[in-house]
């Protein structure tokens, strides 16, 4: 079944976006640099409740050539300082800074929010599309029928990124639905436990698999 889907959609590239774990860890810069080398399209730097100094430290460990692929969820001033791709609006930071004119994305949890935020954003996240891998009890809010209706109504299009429970078993469904991309969190980070694992090869191999399916 996956093979048939893969053949059917092999000509359609879908953005693959990675969201960081909520906490910083020692090997993080090495893993992120390896993922960029493997073709990661966009990284969302999301570390709620953490100090800006830690974000700055991580950014200095990532080559400047990849900074244009990083979207930041907090400490928006770092966007200009490190020439990042842009900023992401959410419940913690719902408004862009005055005079900001760069890339903006936003988190949405209803189709109504998608319709509204698409007017001012380059893309939006819609979640949870499937049952979350990283958040226990965070279940899908959208039936396949509701998603297809939203596509027909031009609510879901290439500016809408699917988030929530996405992994190799369902990423081709995301492409089939017509989303512009897939945002991965638990589907990838579940392959590496920074408290116990020294080797992150399994995570890299899994990313390659997801990338092939997205491409």
Foldseek 3Di string as FASTA:
>chain_A
DLVVLCVVCVVPFFAEEEEEDQDDFDCVLVVVQLVVVLPHQAYEDHHPPDDVVVVVVSLVSHDLVCQCRYEYADPQVVCVVSVHVYYEAEPVRNDDDPPDDGAYEYEDADLVVLVVCVVPHQAYEYDDCAAALVDPPRGHPDDLVRLLVCVVVVSAALRYEHEGPDFLVCLSVVVVSHYRHYYDYNNQCVQDDSVPDPDNVSSSVRSSSSNSSND
